[in-house]
Amino acid sequence: MGVFPHQPSGVLGASRGLVDPPAADEYAEEVLTLNPGDISLHHVNTIHRTGPNRTPHQRRNLGFSYHSSLASPDKIALAQYERDLKEFLQSETKPERPKAKGNLP
């Protein structure tokens, strides 16, 4: 299906998001539940998301992307990504840490 159009997400660490997600009735969602220490591996073009972090702890991720030696960069898309990221990092709006629910401070 290729790469769907993206836009800035406004979330540090997840700087891009889909402009229009595919219709849920056409493309079933697969839910993964991960426990501490678990990992999820997927193709870079796999549509994926996560809910908000409602804990007092940072959510960490580590991403790797591998490309064929025959691949060539999309210079226009890369330039747009870099402009969007620079604008986001220089903006006054910084992401807020969600407050934990329950008895945690």
PDB file of N, CA and C in Angstrom:
ATOM      1  N   MET A   1       0.817  -1.209   0.000  1.00  0.00           N
ATOM      2  CA  MET A   1       0.000   0.000   0.000  1.00  0.00           C
ATOM      3  C   MET A   1       0.849   1.257   0.000  1.00  0.00           C
ATOM      4  N   GLY A   2       2.147   1.102   0.186  1.00  0.00           N
ATOM      5  CA  GLY A   2       3.011   2.270   0.181  1.00  0.00           C
ATOM      6  C   GLY A   2       2.921   3.061   1.472  1.00  0.00           C
ATOM      7  N   VAL A   3       3.449   4.261   1.443  1.00  0.00           N
ATOM      8  CA  VAL A   3       3.463   5.130   2.614  1.00  0.00           C
ATOM      9  C   VAL A   3       2.312   6.113   2.505  1.00  0.00           C
ATOM     10  N   PHE A   4       1.480   6.164   3.537  1.00  0.00           N
ATOM     11  CA  PHE A   4       0.369   7.115   3.567  1.00  0.00           C
ATOM     12  C   PHE A   4       0.896   8.514   3.903  1.00  0.00           C
ATOM     13  N   PRO A   5       0.171   9.562   3.493  1.00  0.00           N
ATOM     14  CA  PRO A   5       0.611  10.927   3.818  1.00  0.00           C
ATOM     15  C   PRO A   5       0.713  11.144   5.333  1.00  0.00           C
ATOM     16  N   HIS A   6       1.775  11.848   5.742  1.00  0.00           N
ATOM     17  CA  HIS A   6       2.042  12.135   7.153  1.00  0.00           C
ATOM     18  C   HIS A   6       2.016  13.638   7.412  1.00  0.00           C
ATOM     19  N   GLN A   7       1.913  13.971   8.688  1.00  0.00           N
ATOM     20  CA  GLN A   7       1.975  15.356   9.142  1.00  0.00           C
ATOM     21  C   GLN A   7       2.622  15.373  10.525  1.00  0.00           C
ATOM     22  N   PRO A   8       3.056  16.528  11.010  1.00  0.00           N
ATOM     23  CA  PRO A   8       3.622  16.585  12.363  1.00  0.00           C
ATOM     24  C   PRO A   8       2.572  16.150  13.387  1.00  0.00           C
ATOM     25  N   SER A   9       2.999  15.355  14.367  1.00  0.00           N
ATOM     26  CA  SER A   9       2.060  14.863  15.370  1.00  0.00           C
ATOM     27  C   SER A   9       1.943  15.778  16.580  1.00  0.00           C
ATOM     28  N   GLY A  10       2.955  16.609  16.804  1.00  0.00           N
ATOM     29  CA  GLY A  10       2.949  17.450  17.994  1.00  0.00           C
ATOM     30  C   GLY A  10       3.390  16.708  19.243  1.00  0.00           C
ATOM     31  N   VAL A  11       3.870  15.488  19.081  1.00  0.00           N
ATOM     32  CA  VAL A  11       4.314  14.678  20.211  1.00  0.00           C
ATOM     33  C   VAL A  11       5.808  14.415  20.060  1.00  0.00           C
ATOM     34  N   LEU A  12       6.595  14.890  21.030  1.00  0.00           N
ATOM     35  CA  LEU A  12       8.021  14.668  20.982  1.00  0.00           C
ATOM     36  C   LEU A  12       8.319  13.180  21.067  1.00  0.00           C
ATOM     37  N   GLY A  13       9.153  12.684  20.186  1.00  0.00           N
ATOM     38  CA  GLY A  13       9.477  11.261  20.152  1.00  0.00           C
ATOM     39  C   GLY A  13       8.601  10.488  19.173  1.00  0.00           C
ATOM     40  N   ALA A  14       7.504  11.086  18.764  1.00  0.00           N
ATOM     41  CA  ALA A  14       6.620  10.495  17.746  1.00  0.00           C
ATOM     42  C   ALA A  14       6.250  11.640  16.819  1.00  0.00           C
ATOM     43  N   SER A  15       7.233  12.135  16.109  1.00  0.00           N
ATOM     44  CA  SER A  15       7.087  13.416  15.442  1.00  0.00           C
ATOM     45  C   SER A  15       6.202  13.411  14.201  1.00  0.00           C
ATOM     46  N   ARG A  16       5.819  12.242  13.713  1.00  0.00           N
ATOM     47  CA  ARG A  16       4.968  12.189  12.515  1.00  0.00           C
ATOM     48  C   ARG A  16       3.747  11.328  12.792  1.00  0.00           C
ATOM     49  N   GLY A  17       2.644  11.696  12.190  1.00  0.00           N
ATOM     50  CA  GLY A  17       1.406  10.923  12.304  1.00  0.00           C
ATOM     51  C   GLY A  17       0.686  10.937  10.974  1.00  0.00           C
ATOM     52  N   LEU A  18      -0.247  10.012  10.799  1.00  0.00           N
ATOM     53  CA  LEU A  18      -0.994   9.937   9.548  1.00  0.00           C
ATOM     54  C   LEU A  18      -1.940  11.127   9.410  1.00  0.00           C
ATOM     55  N   VAL A  19      -2.076  11.629   8.193  1.00  0.00           N
ATOM     56  CA  VAL A  19      -3.044  12.681   7.910  1.00  0.00           C
ATOM     57  C   VAL A  19      -4.444  12.099   8.032  1.00  0.00           C
ATOM     58  N   ASP A  20      -4.700  10.980   7.386  1.00  0.00           N
ATOM     59  CA  ASP A  20      -5.994  10.303   7.441  1.00  0.00           C
ATOM     60  C   ASP A  20      -5.769   8.813   7.648  1.00  0.00           C
ATOM     61  N   PRO A  21      -6.036   8.297   8.853  1.00  0.00           N
ATOM     62  CA  PRO A  21      -5.886   6.851   9.059  1.00  0.00           C
ATOM     63  C   PRO A  21      -6.849   6.075   8.157  1.00  0.00           C
ATOM     64  N   PRO A  22      -6.487   4.861   7.779  1.00  0.00           N
ATOM     65  CA  PRO A  22      -7.380   4.064   6.937  1.00  0.00           C
ATOM     66  C   PRO A  22      -8.662   3.704   7.693  1.00  0.00           C
ATOM     67  N   ALA A  23      -9.713   3.451   6.969  1.00  0.00           N
ATOM     68  CA  ALA A  23     -11.012   3.125   7.566  1.00  0.00           C
ATOM     69  C   ALA A  23     -10.917   1.840   8.384  1.00  0.00           C
ATOM     70  N   ALA A  24     -11.348   1.917   9.640  1.00  0.00           N
ATOM     71  CA  ALA A  24     -11.268   0.778  10.558  1.00  0.00           C
ATOM     72  C   ALA A  24     -12.096  -0.403  10.072  1.00  0.00           C
ATOM     73  N   ASP A  25     -13.199  -0.147   9.375  1.00  0.00           N
ATOM     74  CA  ASP A  25     -14.039  -1.255   8.894  1.00  0.00           C
ATOM     75  C   ASP A  25     -13.393  -1.989   7.720  1.00  0.00           C
ATOM     76  N   GLU A  26     -12.435  -1.371   7.056  1.00  0.00           N
ATOM     77  CA  GLU A  26     -11.730  -2.009   5.950  1.00  0.00           C
ATOM     78  C   GLU A  26     -10.435  -2.682   6.392  1.00  0.00           C
ATOM     79  N   TYR A  27      -9.806  -2.136   7.422  1.00  0.00           N
ATOM     80  CA  TYR A  27      -8.523  -2.636   7.899  1.00  0.00           C
ATOM     81  C   TYR A  27      -8.613  -2.878   9.395  1.00  0.00           C
ATOM     82  N   ALA A  28      -8.765  -4.130   9.769  1.00  0.00           N
ATOM     83  CA  ALA A  28      -8.939  -4.479  11.177  1.00  0.00           C
ATOM     84  C   ALA A  28      -7.698  -4.140  11.990  1.00  0.00           C
ATOM     85  N   GLU A  29      -7.923  -3.635  13.180  1.00  0.00           N
ATOM     86  CA  GLU A  29      -6.836  -3.315  14.094  1.00  0.00           C
ATOM     87  C   GLU A  29      -6.435  -4.557  14.875  1.00  0.00           C
ATOM     88  N   GLU A  30      -5.149  -4.759  15.041  1.00  0.00           N
ATOM     89  CA  GLU A  30      -4.610  -5.844  15.863  1.00  0.00           C
ATOM     90  C   GLU A  30      -4.072  -5.219  17.136  1.00  0.00           C
ATOM     91  N   VAL A  31      -4.584  -5.641  18.273  1.00  0.00           N
ATOM     92  CA  VAL A  31      -4.164  -5.062  19.547  1.00  0.00           C
ATOM     93  C   VAL A  31      -3.061  -5.908  20.170  1.00  0.00           C
ATOM     94  N   LEU A  32      -1.973  -5.249  20.540  1.00  0.00           N
ATOM     95  CA  LEU A  32      -0.883  -5.900  21.264  1.00  0.00           C
ATOM     96  C   LEU A  32      -0.859  -5.347  22.683  1.00  0.00           C
ATOM     97  N   THR A  33      -0.723  -6.215  23.652  1.00  0.00           N
ATOM     98  CA  THR A  33      -0.542  -5.785  25.032  1.00  0.00           C
ATOM     99  C   THR A  33       0.860  -6.197  25.439  1.00  0.00           C
ATOM    100  N   LEU A  34       1.676  -5.208  25.761  1.00  0.00           N
ATOM    101  CA  LEU A  34       3.059  -5.474  26.125  1.00  0.00           C
ATOM    102  C   LEU A  34       3.246  -5.269  27.624  1.00  0.00           C
ATOM    103  N   ASN A  35       4.027  -6.135  28.208  1.00  0.00           N
ATOM    104  CA  ASN A  35       4.387  -6.037  29.615  1.00  0.00           C
ATOM    105  C   ASN A  35       5.776  -5.440  29.729  1.00  0.00           C
ATOM    106  N   PRO A  36       6.143  -4.928  30.914  1.00  0.00           N
ATOM    107  CA  PRO A  36       7.502  -4.394  31.073  1.00  0.00           C
ATOM    108  C   PRO A  36       8.542  -5.408  30.599  1.00  0.00           C
ATOM    109  N   GLY A  37       9.462  -4.940  29.772  1.00  0.00           N
ATOM    110  CA  GLY A  37      10.509  -5.803  29.227  1.00  0.00           C
ATOM    111  C   GLY A  37      10.165  -6.415  27.884  1.00  0.00           C
ATOM    112  N   ASP A  38       8.903  -6.368  27.467  1.00  0.00           N
ATOM    113  CA  ASP A  38       8.507  -6.902  26.165  1.00  0.00           C
ATOM    114  C   ASP A  38       8.951  -5.955  25.053  1.00  0.00           C
ATOM    115  N   ILE A  39       9.035  -6.486  23.839  1.00  0.00           N
ATOM    116  CA  ILE A  39       9.358  -5.668  22.679  1.00  0.00           C
ATOM    117  C   ILE A  39       8.352  -5.955  21.565  1.00  0.00           C
ATOM    118  N   SER A  40       8.226  -5.016  20.680  1.00  0.00           N
ATOM    119  CA  SER A  40       7.397  -5.168  19.489  1.00  0.00           C
ATOM    120  C   SER A  40       8.268  -4.820  18.288  1.00  0.00           C
ATOM    121  N   LEU A  41       8.295  -5.699  17.313  1.00  0.00           N
ATOM    122  CA  LEU A  41       9.041  -5.460  16.077  1.00  0.00           C
ATOM    123  C   LEU A  41       8.051  -5.416  14.923  1.00  0.00           C
ATOM    124  N   HIS A  42       8.194  -4.438  14.059  1.00  0.00           N
ATOM    125  CA  HIS A  42       7.306  -4.352  12.907  1.00  0.00           C
ATOM    126  C   HIS A  42       8.013  -3.641  11.752  1.00  0.00           C
ATOM    127  N   HIS A  43       7.487  -3.855  10.573  1.00  0.00           N
ATOM    128  CA  HIS A  43       7.994  -3.201   9.372  1.00  0.00           C
ATOM    129  C   HIS A  43       7.794  -1.696   9.519  1.00  0.00           C
ATOM    130  N   VAL A  44       8.706  -0.924   8.993  1.00  0.00           N
ATOM    131  CA  VAL A  44       8.656   0.526   9.124  1.00  0.00           C
ATOM    132  C   VAL A  44       7.375   1.112   8.523  1.00  0.00           C
ATOM    133  N   ASN A  45       6.764   0.458   7.550  1.00  0.00           N
ATOM    134  CA  ASN A  45       5.525   0.960   6.957  1.00  0.00           C
ATOM    135  C   ASN A  45       4.273   0.438   7.649  1.00  0.00           C
ATOM    136  N   THR A  46       4.428  -0.324   8.713  1.00  0.00           N
ATOM    137  CA  THR A  46       3.264  -0.799   9.465  1.00  0.00           C
ATOM    138  C   THR A  46       2.659   0.369  10.231  1.00  0.00           C
ATOM    139  N   ILE A  47       1.367   0.580  10.069  1.00  0.00           N
ATOM    140  CA  ILE A  47       0.689   1.625  10.833  1.00  0.00           C
ATOM    141  C   ILE A  47       0.620   1.149  12.271  1.00  0.00           C
ATOM    142  N   HIS A  48       1.093   1.985  13.186  1.00  0.00           N
ATOM    143  CA  HIS A  48       1.106   1.606  14.596  1.00  0.00           C
ATOM    144  C   HIS A  48       0.842   2.843  15.447  1.00  0.00           C
ATOM    145  N   ARG A  49       0.360   2.599  16.653  1.00  0.00           N
ATOM    146  CA  ARG A  49       0.064   3.708  17.564  1.00  0.00           C
ATOM    147  C   ARG A  49       0.103   3.183  18.982  1.00  0.00           C
ATOM    148  N   THR A  50       0.017   4.098  19.909  1.00  0.00           N
ATOM    149  CA  THR A  50      -0.073   3.743  21.311  1.00  0.00           C
ATOM    150  C   THR A  50      -0.940   4.778  22.001  1.00  0.00           C
ATOM    151  N   GLY A  51      -1.529   4.390  23.087  1.00  0.00           N
ATOM    152  CA  GLY A  51      -2.314   5.333  23.869  1.00  0.00           C
ATOM    153  C   GLY A  51      -1.395   6.211  24.694  1.00  0.00           C
ATOM    154  N   PRO A  52      -1.973   7.174  25.408  1.00  0.00           N
ATOM    155  CA  PRO A  52      -1.148   8.068  26.225  1.00  0.00           C
ATOM    156  C   PRO A  52      -0.480   7.327  27.375  1.00  0.00           C
ATOM    157  N   ASN A  53       0.673   7.801  27.772  1.00  0.00           N
ATOM    158  CA  ASN A  53       1.385   7.250  28.918  1.00  0.00           C
ATOM    159  C   ASN A  53       0.761   7.838  30.177  1.00  0.00           C
ATOM    160  N   ARG A  54       0.049   7.046  30.921  1.00  0.00           N
ATOM    161  CA  ARG A  54      -0.634   7.525  32.125  1.00  0.00           C
ATOM    162  C   ARG A  54       0.125   7.159  33.400  1.00  0.00           C
ATOM    163  N   THR A  55       1.412   6.910  33.265  1.00  0.00           N
ATOM    164  CA  THR A  55       2.236   6.575  34.423  1.00  0.00           C
ATOM    165  C   THR A  55       3.164   7.751  34.718  1.00  0.00           C
ATOM    166  N   PRO A  56       3.778   7.752  35.887  1.00  0.00           N
ATOM    167  CA  PRO A  56       4.739   8.808  36.187  1.00  0.00           C
ATOM    168  C   PRO A  56       6.114   8.527  35.576  1.00  0.00           C
ATOM    169  N   HIS A  57       6.243   7.433  34.856  1.00  0.00           N
ATOM    170  CA  HIS A  57       7.525   7.022  34.279  1.00  0.00           C
ATOM    171  C   HIS A  57       7.588   7.355  32.793  1.00  0.00           C
ATOM    172  N   GLN A  58       8.814   7.633  32.317  1.00  0.00           N
ATOM    173  CA  GLN A  58       8.985   7.875  30.892  1.00  0.00           C
ATOM    174  C   GLN A  58       8.750   6.590  30.109  1.00  0.00           C
ATOM    175  N   ARG A  59       8.206   6.734  28.934  1.00  0.00           N
ATOM    176  CA  ARG A  59       8.083   5.601  28.012  1.00  0.00           C
ATOM    177  C   ARG A  59       9.257   5.712  27.058  1.00  0.00           C
ATOM    178  N   ARG A  60      10.062   4.699  27.025  1.00  0.00           N
ATOM    179  CA  ARG A  60      11.255   4.728  26.178  1.00  0.00           C
ATOM    180  C   ARG A  60      11.045   3.847  24.952  1.00  0.00           C
ATOM    181  N   ASN A  61      11.683   4.254  23.868  1.00  0.00           N
ATOM    182  CA  ASN A  61      11.668   3.401  22.685  1.00  0.00           C
ATOM    183  C   ASN A  61      13.010   3.532  21.983  1.00  0.00           C
ATOM    184  N   LEU A  62      13.296   2.555  21.205  1.00  0.00           N
ATOM    185  CA  LEU A  62      14.529   2.522  20.441  1.00  0.00           C
ATOM    186  C   LEU A  62      14.157   2.047  19.045  1.00  0.00           C
ATOM    187  N   GLY A  63      14.457   2.839  18.054  1.00  0.00           N
ATOM    188  CA  GLY A  63      14.070   2.480  16.704  1.00  0.00           C
ATOM    189  C   GLY A  63      15.265   2.272  15.795  1.00  0.00           C
ATOM    190  N   PHE A  64      15.181   1.258  14.994  1.00  0.00           N
ATOM    191  CA  PHE A  64      16.188   0.980  13.969  1.00  0.00           C
ATOM    192  C   PHE A  64      15.466   0.867  12.635  1.00  0.00           C
ATOM    193  N   SER A  65      16.087   1.339  11.613  1.00  0.00           N
ATOM    194  CA  SER A  65      15.524   1.226  10.281  1.00  0.00           C
ATOM    195  C   SER A  65      16.630   0.745   9.350  1.00  0.00           C
ATOM    196  N   TYR A  66      16.365  -0.326   8.633  1.00  0.00           N
ATOM    197  CA  TYR A  66      17.345  -0.882   7.707  1.00  0.00           C
ATOM    198  C   TYR A  66      16.862  -0.683   6.280  1.00  0.00           C
ATOM    199  N   HIS A  67      17.799  -0.333   5.400  1.00  0.00           N
ATOM    200  CA  HIS A  67      17.463  -0.072   4.012  1.00  0.00           C
ATOM    201  C   HIS A  67      18.414  -0.827   3.097  1.00  0.00           C
ATOM    202  N   SER A  68      17.919  -1.220   1.960  1.00  0.00           N
ATOM    203  CA  SER A  68      18.733  -1.868   0.948  1.00  0.00           C
ATOM    204  C   SER A  68      19.813  -0.912   0.450  1.00  0.00           C
ATOM    205  N   SER A  69      20.917  -1.456   0.027  1.00  0.00           N
ATOM    206  CA  SER A  69      21.973  -0.624  -0.560  1.00  0.00           C
ATOM    207  C   SER A  69      21.501  -0.006  -1.879  1.00  0.00           C
ATOM    208  N   LEU A  70      20.401  -0.512  -2.436  1.00  0.00           N
ATOM    209  CA  LEU A  70      19.844   0.028  -3.673  1.00  0.00           C
ATOM    210  C   LEU A  70      18.827   1.138  -3.422  1.00  0.00           C
ATOM    211  N   ALA A  71      18.468   1.355  -2.140  1.00  0.00           N
ATOM    212  CA  ALA A  71      17.468   2.372  -1.806  1.00  0.00           C
ATOM    213  C   ALA A  71      18.049   3.772  -2.004  1.00  0.00           C
ATOM    214  N   SER A  72      17.180   4.710  -2.359  1.00  0.00           N
ATOM    215  CA  SER A  72      17.614   6.102  -2.484  1.00  0.00           C
ATOM    216  C   SER A  72      16.682   6.970  -1.642  1.00  0.00           C
ATOM    217  N   PRO A  73      17.218   8.014  -1.005  1.00  0.00           N
ATOM    218  CA  PRO A  73      16.391   8.846  -0.126  1.00  0.00           C
ATOM    219  C   PRO A  73      15.405   9.704  -0.916  1.00  0.00           C
ATOM    220  N   ASP A  74      14.249   9.944  -0.300  1.00  0.00           N
ATOM    221  CA  ASP A  74      13.267  10.876  -0.843  1.00  0.00           C
ATOM    222  C   ASP A  74      13.655  12.249  -0.297  1.00  0.00           C
ATOM    223  N   LYS A  75      14.416  12.994  -1.058  1.00  0.00           N
ATOM    224  CA  LYS A  75      14.989  14.247  -0.575  1.00  0.00           C
ATOM    225  C   LYS A  75      13.917  15.286  -0.236  1.00  0.00           C
ATOM    226  N   ILE A  76      12.828  15.292  -0.963  1.00  0.00           N
ATOM    227  CA  ILE A  76      11.742  16.249  -0.685  1.00  0.00           C
ATOM    228  C   ILE A  76      11.069  15.905   0.640  1.00  0.00           C
ATOM    229  N   ALA A  77      10.749  14.630   0.856  1.00  0.00           N
ATOM    230  CA  ALA A  77      10.116  14.210   2.107  1.00  0.00           C
ATOM    231  C   ALA A  77      11.050  14.425   3.297  1.00  0.00           C
ATOM    232  N   LEU A  78      12.335  14.154   3.131  1.00  0.00           N
ATOM    233  CA  LEU A  78      13.300  14.349   4.204  1.00  0.00           C
ATOM    234  C   LEU A  78      13.406  15.828   4.571  1.00  0.00           C
ATOM    235  N   ALA A  79      13.452  16.699   3.579  1.00  0.00           N
ATOM    236  CA  ALA A  79      13.540  18.139   3.841  1.00  0.00           C
ATOM    237  C   ALA A  79      12.299  18.624   4.590  1.00  0.00           C
ATOM    238  N   GLN A  80      11.117  18.134   4.214  1.00  0.00           N
ATOM    239  CA  GLN A  80       9.881  18.529   4.899  1.00  0.00           C
ATOM    240  C   GLN A  80       9.893  18.035   6.331  1.00  0.00           C
ATOM    241  N   TYR A  81      10.316  16.806   6.542  1.00  0.00           N
ATOM    242  CA  TYR A  81      10.413  16.248   7.893  1.00  0.00           C
ATOM    243  C   TYR A  81      11.349  17.095   8.756  1.00  0.00           C
ATOM    244  N   GLU A  82      12.500  17.443   8.223  1.00  0.00           N
ATOM    245  CA  GLU A  82      13.472  18.240   8.983  1.00  0.00           C
ATOM    246  C   GLU A  82      12.929  19.625   9.300  1.00  0.00           C
ATOM    247  N   ARG A  83      12.199  20.248   8.365  1.00  0.00           N
ATOM    248  CA  ARG A  83      11.579  21.555   8.631  1.00  0.00           C
ATOM    249  C   ARG A  83      10.537  21.434   9.739  1.00  0.00           C
ATOM    250  N   ASP A  84       9.672  20.415   9.636  1.00  0.00           N
ATOM    251  CA  ASP A  84       8.627  20.217  10.644  1.00  0.00           C
ATOM    252  C   ASP A  84       9.228  19.960  12.023  1.00  0.00           C
ATOM    253  N   LEU A  85      10.261  19.138  12.089  1.00  0.00           N
ATOM    254  CA  LEU A  85      10.890  18.815  13.362  1.00  0.00           C
ATOM    255  C   LEU A  85      11.540  20.053  13.970  1.00  0.00           C
ATOM    256  N   LYS A  86      12.259  20.826  13.160  1.00  0.00           N
ATOM    257  CA  LYS A  86      12.899  22.044  13.654  1.00  0.00           C
ATOM    258  C   LYS A  86      11.849  23.006  14.192  1.00  0.00           C
ATOM    259  N   GLU A  87      10.753  23.180  13.468  1.00  0.00           N
ATOM    260  CA  GLU A  87       9.673  24.074  13.908  1.00  0.00           C
ATOM    261  C   GLU A  87       9.087  23.591  15.231  1.00  0.00           C
ATOM    262  N   PHE A  88       8.862  22.300  15.350  1.00  0.00           N
ATOM    263  CA  PHE A  88       8.309  21.738  16.583  1.00  0.00           C
ATOM    264  C   PHE A  88       9.251  21.972  17.758  1.00  0.00           C
ATOM    265  N   LEU A  89      10.539  21.709  17.564  1.00  0.00           N
ATOM    266  CA  LEU A  89      11.503  21.844  18.651  1.00  0.00           C
ATOM    267  C   LEU A  89      11.690  23.295  19.072  1.00  0.00           C
ATOM    268  N   GLN A  90      11.459  24.234  18.175  1.00  0.00           N
ATOM    269  CA  GLN A  90      11.605  25.648  18.498  1.00  0.00           C
ATOM    270  C   GLN A  90      10.307  26.277  19.005  1.00  0.00           C
ATOM    271  N   SER A  91       9.217  25.535  18.943  1.00  0.00           N
ATOM    272  CA  SER A  91       7.924  26.096  19.337  1.00  0.00           C
ATOM    273  C   SER A  91       7.856  26.309  20.838  1.00  0.00           C
ATOM    274  N   GLU A  92       6.962  27.183  21.230  1.00  0.00           N
ATOM    275  CA  GLU A  92       6.725  27.440  22.650  1.00  0.00           C
ATOM    276  C   GLU A  92       5.984  26.281  23.292  1.00  0.00           C
ATOM    277  N   THR A  93       5.249  25.539  22.514  1.00  0.00           N
ATOM    278  CA  THR A  93       4.431  24.449  23.046  1.00  0.00           C
ATOM    279  C   THR A  93       5.300  23.227  23.272  1.00  0.00           C
ATOM    280  N   LYS A  94       5.433  22.843  24.504  1.00  0.00           N
ATOM    281  CA  LYS A  94       6.182  21.648  24.861  1.00  0.00           C
ATOM    282  C   LYS A  94       5.189  20.602  25.358  1.00  0.00           C
ATOM    283  N   PRO A  95       5.426  19.345  25.074  1.00  0.00           N
ATOM    284  CA  PRO A  95       4.489  18.312  25.510  1.00  0.00           C
ATOM    285  C   PRO A  95       4.432  18.243  27.029  1.00  0.00           C
ATOM    286  N   GLU A  96       3.219  18.062  27.563  1.00  0.00           N
ATOM    287  CA  GLU A  96       3.045  17.921  29.001  1.00  0.00           C
ATOM    288  C   GLU A  96       3.116  16.467  29.385  1.00  0.00           C
ATOM    289  N   ARG A  97       3.663  16.213  30.571  1.00  0.00           N
ATOM    290  CA  ARG A  97       3.679  14.855  31.098  1.00  0.00           C
ATOM    291  C   ARG A  97       2.319  14.601  31.727  1.00  0.00           C
ATOM    292  N   PRO A  98       1.654  13.513  31.375  1.00  0.00           N
ATOM    293  CA  PRO A  98       0.353  13.230  31.986  1.00  0.00           C
ATOM    294  C   PRO A  98       0.505  12.915  33.461  1.00  0.00           C
ATOM    295  N   LYS A  99      -0.494  13.281  34.239  1.00  0.00           N
ATOM    296  CA  LYS A  99      -0.494  12.982  35.663  1.00  0.00           C
ATOM    297  C   LYS A  99      -0.964  11.547  35.854  1.00  0.00           C
ATOM    298  N   ALA A 100      -0.311  10.846  36.763  1.00  0.00           N
ATOM    299  CA  ALA A 100      -0.677   9.460  37.041  1.00  0.00           C
ATOM    300  C   ALA A 100      -2.018   9.420  37.762  1.00  0.00           C
ATOM    301  N   LYS A 101      -2.768   8.368  37.499  1.00  0.00           N
ATOM    302  CA  LYS A 101      -4.035   8.166  38.196  1.00  0.00           C
ATOM    303  C   LYS A 101      -3.801   7.216  39.368  1.00  0.00           C
ATOM    304  N   GLY A 102      -4.654   7.255  40.324  1.00  0.00           N
ATOM    305  CA  GLY A 102      -4.530   6.353  41.464  1.00  0.00           C
ATOM    306  C   GLY A 102      -3.790   7.000  42.604  1.00  0.00           C
ATOM    307  N   ASN A 103      -3.082   6.211  43.381  1.00  0.00           N
ATOM    308  CA  ASN A 103      -2.429   6.694  44.586  1.00  0.00           C
ATOM    309  C   ASN A 103      -1.014   7.210  44.362  1.00  0.00           C
ATOM    310  N   LEU A 104      -0.525   7.185  43.173  1.00  0.00           N
ATOM    311  CA  LEU A 104       0.830   7.656  42.908  1.00  0.00           C
ATOM    312  C   LEU A 104       0.871   9.174  42.943  1.00  0.00           C
ATOM    313  N   PRO A 105       1.980   9.769  43.408  1.00  0.00           N
ATOM    314  CA  PRO A 105       2.076  11.245  43.450  1.00  0.00           C
ATOM    315  C   PRO A 105       2.124  11.861  42.073  1.00  0.00           C
TER     316      PRO A 105
END
